[in-house]
Amino acid sequence: MEKPNLKYIEKLAGGDNSLKNKLIDIVKSEFPVEKKAYYENLKNKDQKKTEESVHKIKHKISILGLEKSYKIANKFEHDLREFNFERVKDFDKILIAISHYLKTI
């Protein structure tokens, strides 16, 4: 499994450490809230809200440089439109990897 990184954030910040830290703080504050909402929506079997949660989290996946994981999340988002929840375990692995990584930065 690929590992999250800060390359994209560093590119966006363009050497501005203050901006880099602000972007990291945003990801660190928003991700847990979005992850919690995702699991609540999944538990409630609310397909539409689960799809919306995946869409929001997908942006964090991209920002953290997870290209393969982004593709998985994108497929999962589209699958959910068809009430297909088969990629839940793959998506869970991504969420776990990001959660662990955010504790280290």
N, C-alpha and C. Protein backbone atom coordinates (compact mmCIF):
# COMPACT_ATOMS: atom_id res chain seq x y z
N MET A 1 0.85 -1.18 0.00
CA MET A 1 0.00 0.00 0.00
C MET A 1 0.90 1.24 0.00
N GLU A 2 0.49 2.21 -0.79
CA GLU A 2 1.25 3.46 -0.85
C GLU A 2 1.13 4.21 0.47
N LYS A 3 2.05 5.09 0.71
CA LYS A 3 2.08 5.83 1.98
C LYS A 3 1.76 7.31 1.74
N PRO A 4 0.97 7.89 2.64
CA PRO A 4 0.69 9.33 2.53
C PRO A 4 1.98 10.14 2.61
N ASN A 5 1.95 11.31 2.00
CA ASN A 5 3.12 12.19 2.04
C ASN A 5 2.67 13.65 1.92
N LEU A 6 3.63 14.53 2.07
CA LEU A 6 3.34 15.97 2.04
C LEU A 6 3.81 16.64 0.75
N LYS A 7 4.19 15.88 -0.25
CA LYS A 7 4.75 16.46 -1.47
C LYS A 7 3.81 17.47 -2.12
N TYR A 8 2.54 17.12 -2.23
CA TYR A 8 1.58 18.03 -2.87
C TYR A 8 1.38 19.28 -2.01
N ILE A 9 1.28 19.11 -0.72
CA ILE A 9 1.12 20.25 0.18
C ILE A 9 2.34 21.16 0.09
N GLU A 10 3.52 20.57 0.06
CA GLU A 10 4.74 21.37 -0.07
C GLU A 10 4.79 22.12 -1.39
N LYS A 11 4.30 21.48 -2.44
CA LYS A 11 4.25 22.14 -3.75
C LYS A 11 3.28 23.32 -3.71
N LEU A 12 2.13 23.11 -3.11
CA LEU A 12 1.14 24.19 -2.98
C LEU A 12 1.68 25.35 -2.17
N ALA A 13 2.40 25.03 -1.10
CA ALA A 13 2.93 26.05 -0.20
C ALA A 13 4.07 26.83 -0.83
N GLY A 14 4.76 26.24 -1.79
CA GLY A 14 5.84 26.94 -2.48
C GLY A 14 6.92 27.47 -1.55
N GLY A 15 7.26 26.68 -0.54
CA GLY A 15 8.32 27.10 0.38
C GLY A 15 7.84 27.94 1.55
N ASP A 16 6.58 28.29 1.58
CA ASP A 16 6.01 29.08 2.67
C ASP A 16 5.60 28.13 3.80
N ASN A 17 6.42 28.04 4.84
CA ASN A 17 6.15 27.11 5.94
C ASN A 17 4.85 27.42 6.67
N SER A 18 4.51 28.69 6.75
CA SER A 18 3.27 29.07 7.41
C SER A 18 2.06 28.50 6.64
N LEU A 19 2.10 28.61 5.34
CA LEU A 19 1.01 28.07 4.52
C LEU A 19 1.00 26.55 4.59
N LYS A 20 2.18 25.95 4.53
CA LYS A 20 2.28 24.49 4.63
C LYS A 20 1.64 24.01 5.93
N ASN A 21 1.99 24.65 7.04
CA ASN A 21 1.44 24.26 8.33
C ASN A 21 -0.07 24.47 8.41
N LYS A 22 -0.54 25.53 7.78
CA LYS A 22 -1.98 25.81 7.76
C LYS A 22 -2.72 24.72 6.98
N LEU A 23 -2.16 24.32 5.84
CA LEU A 23 -2.78 23.25 5.05
C LEU A 23 -2.80 21.93 5.82
N ILE A 24 -1.70 21.64 6.49
CA ILE A 24 -1.63 20.42 7.30
C ILE A 24 -2.67 20.47 8.42
N ASP A 25 -2.78 21.61 9.07
CA ASP A 25 -3.76 21.76 10.15
C ASP A 25 -5.19 21.56 9.65
N ILE A 26 -5.46 22.07 8.45
CA ILE A 26 -6.80 21.89 7.87
C ILE A 26 -7.09 20.42 7.65
N VAL A 27 -6.15 19.72 7.05
CA VAL A 27 -6.34 18.29 6.80
C VAL A 27 -6.50 17.55 8.13
N LYS A 28 -5.66 17.87 9.10
CA LYS A 28 -5.71 17.19 10.39
C LYS A 28 -7.01 17.46 11.15
N SER A 29 -7.60 18.62 10.95
CA SER A 29 -8.85 18.93 11.66
C SER A 29 -10.08 18.40 10.91
N GLU A 30 -10.05 18.47 9.59
CA GLU A 30 -11.22 18.05 8.81
C GLU A 30 -11.32 16.53 8.64
N PHE A 31 -10.19 15.87 8.46
CA PHE A 31 -10.23 14.43 8.17
C PHE A 31 -10.96 13.62 9.23
N PRO A 32 -10.65 13.78 10.52
CA PRO A 32 -11.36 12.97 11.53
C PRO A 32 -12.88 13.19 11.52
N VAL A 33 -13.30 14.41 11.28
CA VAL A 33 -14.73 14.72 11.24
C VAL A 33 -15.37 14.03 10.03
N GLU A 34 -14.70 14.11 8.89
CA GLU A 34 -15.23 13.48 7.68
C GLU A 34 -15.22 11.96 7.78
N LYS A 35 -14.19 11.42 8.42
CA LYS A 35 -14.11 9.97 8.61
C LYS A 35 -15.24 9.50 9.52
N LYS A 36 -15.49 10.23 10.60
CA LYS A 36 -16.56 9.87 11.52
C LYS A 36 -17.92 9.90 10.81
N ALA A 37 -18.14 10.94 10.02
CA ALA A 37 -19.40 11.05 9.27
C ALA A 37 -19.55 9.89 8.29
N TYR A 38 -18.45 9.53 7.64
CA TYR A 38 -18.47 8.40 6.70
C TYR A 38 -18.93 7.13 7.41
N TYR A 39 -18.32 6.82 8.56
CA TYR A 39 -18.67 5.59 9.27
C TYR A 39 -20.10 5.63 9.81
N GLU A 40 -20.55 6.80 10.23
CA GLU A 40 -21.95 6.92 10.68
C GLU A 40 -22.91 6.70 9.52
N ASN A 41 -22.61 7.30 8.37
CA ASN A 41 -23.48 7.14 7.20
C ASN A 41 -23.47 5.70 6.71
N LEU A 42 -22.31 5.07 6.76
CA LEU A 42 -22.20 3.67 6.36
C LEU A 42 -23.00 2.78 7.29
N LYS A 43 -22.87 3.02 8.58
CA LYS A 43 -23.59 2.24 9.59
C LYS A 43 -25.10 2.39 9.40
N ASN A 44 -25.54 3.60 9.06
CA ASN A 44 -26.96 3.86 8.85
C ASN A 44 -27.45 3.44 7.47
N LYS A 45 -26.52 2.90 6.66
CA LYS A 45 -26.83 2.44 5.30
C LYS A 45 -27.46 3.55 4.47
N ASP A 46 -26.97 4.77 4.69
CA ASP A 46 -27.43 5.92 3.92
C ASP A 46 -26.49 6.08 2.71
N GLN A 47 -26.89 5.50 1.62
CA GLN A 47 -26.05 5.45 0.42
C GLN A 47 -25.64 6.83 -0.06
N LYS A 48 -26.55 7.75 -0.12
CA LYS A 48 -26.25 9.09 -0.64
C LYS A 48 -25.26 9.83 0.26
N LYS A 49 -25.49 9.81 1.55
CA LYS A 49 -24.59 10.50 2.47
C LYS A 49 -23.23 9.81 2.54
N THR A 50 -23.22 8.48 2.41
CA THR A 50 -21.94 7.76 2.37
C THR A 50 -21.15 8.18 1.14
N GLU A 51 -21.83 8.28 0.02
CA GLU A 51 -21.19 8.74 -1.22
C GLU A 51 -20.63 10.15 -1.04
N GLU A 52 -21.38 11.03 -0.42
CA GLU A 52 -20.91 12.41 -0.17
C GLU A 52 -19.69 12.41 0.75
N SER A 53 -19.69 11.55 1.74
CA SER A 53 -18.54 11.45 2.64
C SER A 53 -17.30 10.98 1.90
N VAL A 54 -17.45 9.98 1.06
CA VAL A 54 -16.33 9.48 0.28
C VAL A 54 -15.80 10.60 -0.62
N HIS A 55 -16.69 11.37 -1.21
CA HIS A 55 -16.28 12.47 -2.08
C HIS A 55 -15.42 13.48 -1.32
N LYS A 56 -15.83 13.83 -0.11
CA LYS A 56 -15.07 14.79 0.69
C LYS A 56 -13.71 14.22 1.08
N ILE A 57 -13.69 12.97 1.50
CA ILE A 57 -12.45 12.33 1.93
C ILE A 57 -11.50 12.16 0.74
N LYS A 58 -12.07 11.96 -0.41
CA LYS A 58 -11.27 11.76 -1.62
C LYS A 58 -10.32 12.93 -1.86
N HIS A 59 -10.73 14.12 -1.50
CA HIS A 59 -9.87 15.29 -1.66
C HIS A 59 -8.67 15.22 -0.71
N LYS A 60 -8.89 14.73 0.49
CA LYS A 60 -7.78 14.58 1.44
C LYS A 60 -6.80 13.52 0.92
N ILE A 61 -7.35 12.47 0.33
CA ILE A 61 -6.51 11.42 -0.23
C ILE A 61 -5.60 12.00 -1.30
N SER A 62 -6.14 12.83 -2.14
CA SER A 62 -5.36 13.46 -3.20
C SER A 62 -4.30 14.40 -2.63
N ILE A 63 -4.69 15.20 -1.68
CA ILE A 63 -3.77 16.17 -1.07
C ILE A 63 -2.60 15.47 -0.40
N LEU A 64 -2.83 14.26 0.10
CA LEU A 64 -1.78 13.51 0.77
C LEU A 64 -1.00 12.61 -0.19
N GLY A 65 -1.13 12.86 -1.48
CA GLY A 65 -0.31 12.21 -2.49
C GLY A 65 -0.59 10.74 -2.74
N LEU A 66 -1.79 10.31 -2.42
CA LEU A 66 -2.15 8.89 -2.58
C LEU A 66 -2.87 8.68 -3.90
N GLU A 67 -2.12 8.58 -4.97
CA GLU A 67 -2.70 8.49 -6.30
C GLU A 67 -3.51 7.21 -6.52
N LYS A 68 -2.96 6.07 -6.14
CA LYS A 68 -3.68 4.80 -6.30
C LYS A 68 -4.91 4.77 -5.40
N SER A 69 -4.75 5.25 -4.20
CA SER A 69 -5.88 5.28 -3.26
C SER A 69 -6.98 6.22 -3.75
N TYR A 70 -6.58 7.30 -4.40
CA TYR A 70 -7.56 8.23 -4.97
C TYR A 70 -8.41 7.50 -6.02
N LYS A 71 -7.76 6.70 -6.84
CA LYS A 71 -8.49 5.95 -7.87
C LYS A 71 -9.47 4.96 -7.24
N ILE A 72 -9.02 4.32 -6.17
CA ILE A 72 -9.90 3.39 -5.46
C ILE A 72 -11.10 4.14 -4.88
N ALA A 73 -10.83 5.28 -4.25
CA ALA A 73 -11.91 6.08 -3.65
C ALA A 73 -12.87 6.58 -4.73
N ASN A 74 -12.33 6.97 -5.87
CA ASN A 74 -13.17 7.44 -6.96
C ASN A 74 -14.08 6.32 -7.47
N LYS A 75 -13.52 5.13 -7.61
CA LYS A 75 -14.34 3.98 -8.04
C LYS A 75 -15.39 3.66 -7.00
N PHE A 76 -15.00 3.72 -5.72
CA PHE A 76 -15.94 3.45 -4.64
C PHE A 76 -17.08 4.46 -4.66
N GLU A 77 -16.75 5.72 -4.84
CA GLU A 77 -17.77 6.76 -4.91
C GLU A 77 -18.77 6.45 -6.03
N HIS A 78 -18.26 6.08 -7.19
CA HIS A 78 -19.14 5.76 -8.32
C HIS A 78 -19.92 4.48 -8.06
N ASP A 79 -19.30 3.50 -7.42
CA ASP A 79 -20.00 2.27 -7.07
C ASP A 79 -21.17 2.53 -6.15
N LEU A 80 -20.97 3.46 -5.22
CA LEU A 80 -22.04 3.76 -4.27
C LEU A 80 -23.29 4.29 -4.96
N ARG A 81 -23.10 4.94 -6.09
CA ARG A 81 -24.26 5.44 -6.85
C ARG A 81 -25.15 4.28 -7.32
N GLU A 82 -24.53 3.11 -7.43
CA GLU A 82 -25.24 1.90 -7.85
C GLU A 82 -25.54 1.00 -6.64
N PHE A 83 -25.41 1.55 -5.44
CA PHE A 83 -25.64 0.82 -4.19
C PHE A 83 -24.68 -0.36 -4.05
N ASN A 84 -23.48 -0.21 -4.57
CA ASN A 84 -22.46 -1.25 -4.51
C ASN A 84 -21.45 -0.86 -3.43
N PHE A 85 -21.41 -1.64 -2.37
CA PHE A 85 -20.55 -1.35 -1.23
C PHE A 85 -19.34 -2.28 -1.17
N GLU A 86 -18.98 -2.91 -2.27
CA GLU A 86 -17.92 -3.92 -2.29
C GLU A 86 -16.53 -3.37 -1.93
N ARG A 87 -16.29 -2.11 -2.13
CA ARG A 87 -14.95 -1.55 -1.88
C ARG A 87 -14.78 -0.99 -0.47
N VAL A 88 -15.70 -1.30 0.42
CA VAL A 88 -15.63 -0.78 1.79
C VAL A 88 -14.30 -1.15 2.44
N LYS A 89 -13.87 -2.39 2.34
CA LYS A 89 -12.64 -2.82 3.00
C LYS A 89 -11.42 -2.11 2.42
N ASP A 90 -11.40 -1.92 1.11
CA ASP A 90 -10.29 -1.19 0.50
C ASP A 90 -10.26 0.25 0.98
N PHE A 91 -11.43 0.87 1.08
CA PHE A 91 -11.52 2.25 1.55
C PHE A 91 -11.11 2.34 3.02
N ASP A 92 -11.51 1.35 3.81
CA ASP A 92 -11.12 1.32 5.23
C ASP A 92 -9.60 1.32 5.38
N LYS A 93 -8.90 0.56 4.55
CA LYS A 93 -7.44 0.51 4.61
C LYS A 93 -6.84 1.88 4.34
N ILE A 94 -7.42 2.60 3.42
CA ILE A 94 -6.95 3.96 3.11
C ILE A 94 -7.16 4.86 4.32
N LEU A 95 -8.33 4.79 4.92
CA LEU A 95 -8.63 5.63 6.08
C LEU A 95 -7.70 5.33 7.25
N ILE A 96 -7.39 4.07 7.44
CA ILE A 96 -6.48 3.68 8.51
C ILE A 96 -5.08 4.23 8.25
N ALA A 97 -4.62 4.10 7.01
CA ALA A 97 -3.28 4.60 6.66
C ALA A 97 -3.19 6.11 6.88
N ILE A 98 -4.23 6.83 6.47
CA ILE A 98 -4.22 8.29 6.65
C ILE A 98 -4.28 8.64 8.14
N SER A 99 -5.11 7.96 8.89
CA SER A 99 -5.22 8.22 10.33
C SER A 99 -3.89 8.05 11.03
N HIS A 100 -3.20 6.97 10.72
CA HIS A 100 -1.88 6.74 11.32
C HIS A 100 -0.89 7.82 10.91
N TYR A 101 -0.92 8.18 9.65
CA TYR A 101 0.03 9.17 9.14
C TYR A 101 -0.20 10.53 9.79
N LEU A 102 -1.45 10.93 9.93
CA LEU A 102 -1.74 12.26 10.49
C LEU A 102 -1.26 12.38 11.93
N LYS A 103 -1.13 11.27 12.62
CA LYS A 103 -0.61 11.31 13.99
C LYS A 103 0.89 11.58 14.01
N THR A 104 1.55 11.38 12.86
CA THR A 104 3.01 11.53 12.82
C THR A 104 3.47 12.89 12.32
N ILE A 105 2.55 13.68 11.79
CA ILE A 105 2.96 14.99 11.25
C ILE A 105 2.47 16.12 12.12
